[in-house]
Protein backbone atom coordinates (compact mmCIF):
# COMPACT_ATOMS: atom_id res chain seq x y z
CA UNK A 1 -58.13 4.96 45.53
CA UNK A 2 -55.72 3.63 42.91
CA UNK A 3 -57.39 5.76 40.20
CA UNK A 4 -56.41 8.88 42.14
CA UNK A 5 -52.76 7.96 41.81
CA UNK A 6 -52.75 7.68 38.00
CA UNK A 7 -52.03 11.38 37.33
CA UNK A 8 -49.17 11.33 39.87
CA UNK A 9 -47.70 8.18 38.36
CA UNK A 10 -48.02 9.63 34.83
CA UNK A 11 -46.36 12.84 35.91
CA UNK A 12 -43.53 10.92 37.58
CA UNK A 13 -43.01 8.82 34.43
CA UNK A 14 -42.78 11.91 32.24
CA UNK A 15 -40.43 13.57 34.69
CA UNK A 16 -38.13 10.50 34.68
CA UNK A 17 -38.08 10.45 30.86
CA UNK A 18 -37.14 14.14 30.75
CA UNK A 19 -34.36 13.71 33.24
CA UNK A 20 -32.96 10.61 31.52
CA UNK A 21 -33.24 12.27 28.09
CA UNK A 22 -31.45 15.34 29.37
CA UNK A 23 -28.59 13.23 30.65
CA UNK A 24 -27.88 11.68 27.26
CA UNK A 25 -24.18 11.59 26.59
CA UNK A 26 -22.78 14.00 24.07
CA UNK A 27 -19.76 13.15 21.96
CA UNK A 28 -16.54 14.42 23.45
CA UNK A 29 -15.53 17.89 22.33
CA UNK A 30 -12.75 17.91 19.75
CA UNK A 31 -10.92 21.24 19.49
CA UNK A 32 -9.19 20.10 16.32
CA UNK A 33 -12.42 19.23 14.54
CA UNK A 34 -14.14 22.38 15.76
CA UNK A 35 -11.17 24.44 14.52
CA UNK A 36 -11.52 22.80 11.10
CA UNK A 37 -15.27 23.56 11.05
CA UNK A 38 -14.64 27.22 11.82
CA UNK A 39 -11.87 27.37 9.20
CA UNK A 40 -14.13 25.89 6.49
CA UNK A 41 -17.02 28.14 7.47
CA UNK A 42 -14.75 31.20 7.39
CA UNK A 43 -13.48 30.22 3.94
CA UNK A 44 -17.01 29.80 2.64
CA UNK A 45 -18.17 33.07 4.21
CA UNK A 46 -15.20 34.97 2.80
CA UNK A 47 -15.21 33.59 -0.76
CA UNK A 48 -18.51 31.78 -1.32
CA UNK A 49 -21.03 33.99 0.45
CA UNK A 50 -22.84 36.34 -1.95
CA UNK A 51 -24.60 39.11 -0.02
CA UNK A 52 -26.73 40.04 -3.05
CA UNK A 53 -28.07 36.52 -3.65
CA UNK A 54 -30.27 36.06 -0.60
CA UNK A 55 -32.30 33.06 -1.68
CA UNK A 56 -29.70 30.42 -2.51
CA UNK A 57 -30.07 28.66 0.87
CA UNK A 58 -26.31 28.26 1.18
CA UNK A 59 -26.03 30.66 4.11
CA UNK A 60 -28.57 28.65 6.09
CA UNK A 61 -26.86 25.39 5.17
CA UNK A 62 -23.46 26.78 6.24
CA UNK A 63 -24.84 28.03 9.56
CA UNK A 64 -26.60 24.71 10.24
CA UNK A 65 -23.36 22.91 9.45
CA UNK A 66 -21.52 25.11 11.94
CA UNK A 67 -24.22 24.39 14.55
CA UNK A 68 -23.80 20.66 13.83
CA UNK A 69 -20.16 21.05 14.70
CA UNK A 70 -20.95 22.95 17.89
CA UNK A 71 -23.32 20.14 18.89
CA UNK A 72 -20.59 17.52 18.40
CA UNK A 73 -21.85 16.25 15.03
CA UNK A 74 -18.53 17.03 13.36
CA UNK A 75 -18.82 14.59 10.46
CA UNK A 76 -22.16 16.02 9.33
CA UNK A 77 -21.01 19.60 9.67
CA UNK A 78 -17.70 19.09 7.97
CA UNK A 79 -19.23 17.17 5.10
CA UNK A 80 -21.78 19.92 4.44
CA UNK A 81 -19.15 22.68 4.61
CA UNK A 82 -16.91 20.79 2.19
CA UNK A 83 -19.82 20.39 -0.22
CA UNK A 84 -20.56 24.11 -0.04
CA UNK A 85 -16.89 24.97 -0.74
CA UNK A 86 -16.70 22.56 -3.66
CA UNK A 87 -19.96 23.89 -5.11
CA UNK A 88 -18.46 27.40 -5.07
CA UNK A 89 -15.22 26.11 -6.56
CA UNK A 90 -13.23 27.02 -3.46
CA UNK A 91 -10.36 24.62 -2.78
CA UNK A 92 -10.93 22.59 0.38
CA UNK A 93 -7.78 22.69 2.52
CA UNK A 94 -6.29 19.36 3.53
CA UNK A 95 -7.17 18.25 6.97
């Protein structure tokens, strides 16, 4: 009889892990840091984005950096955006 309960117990264990994993705390939103991310992304897009050079990978890196910021990983996103600006010789504003 106990062997019949194994699938139910396994399912319950997976369900608990999904619920607990979904409740993981996110870093608090920071409007100031998000504003800086958007500002740096906008600068890069305006001055560093080259629509004719499609295969540099910079556009993907910039968009991933912006997504990092949206997910609360501000340090990673800001660092990448600053690197992209510096690589394109665009002055990084103080902040």
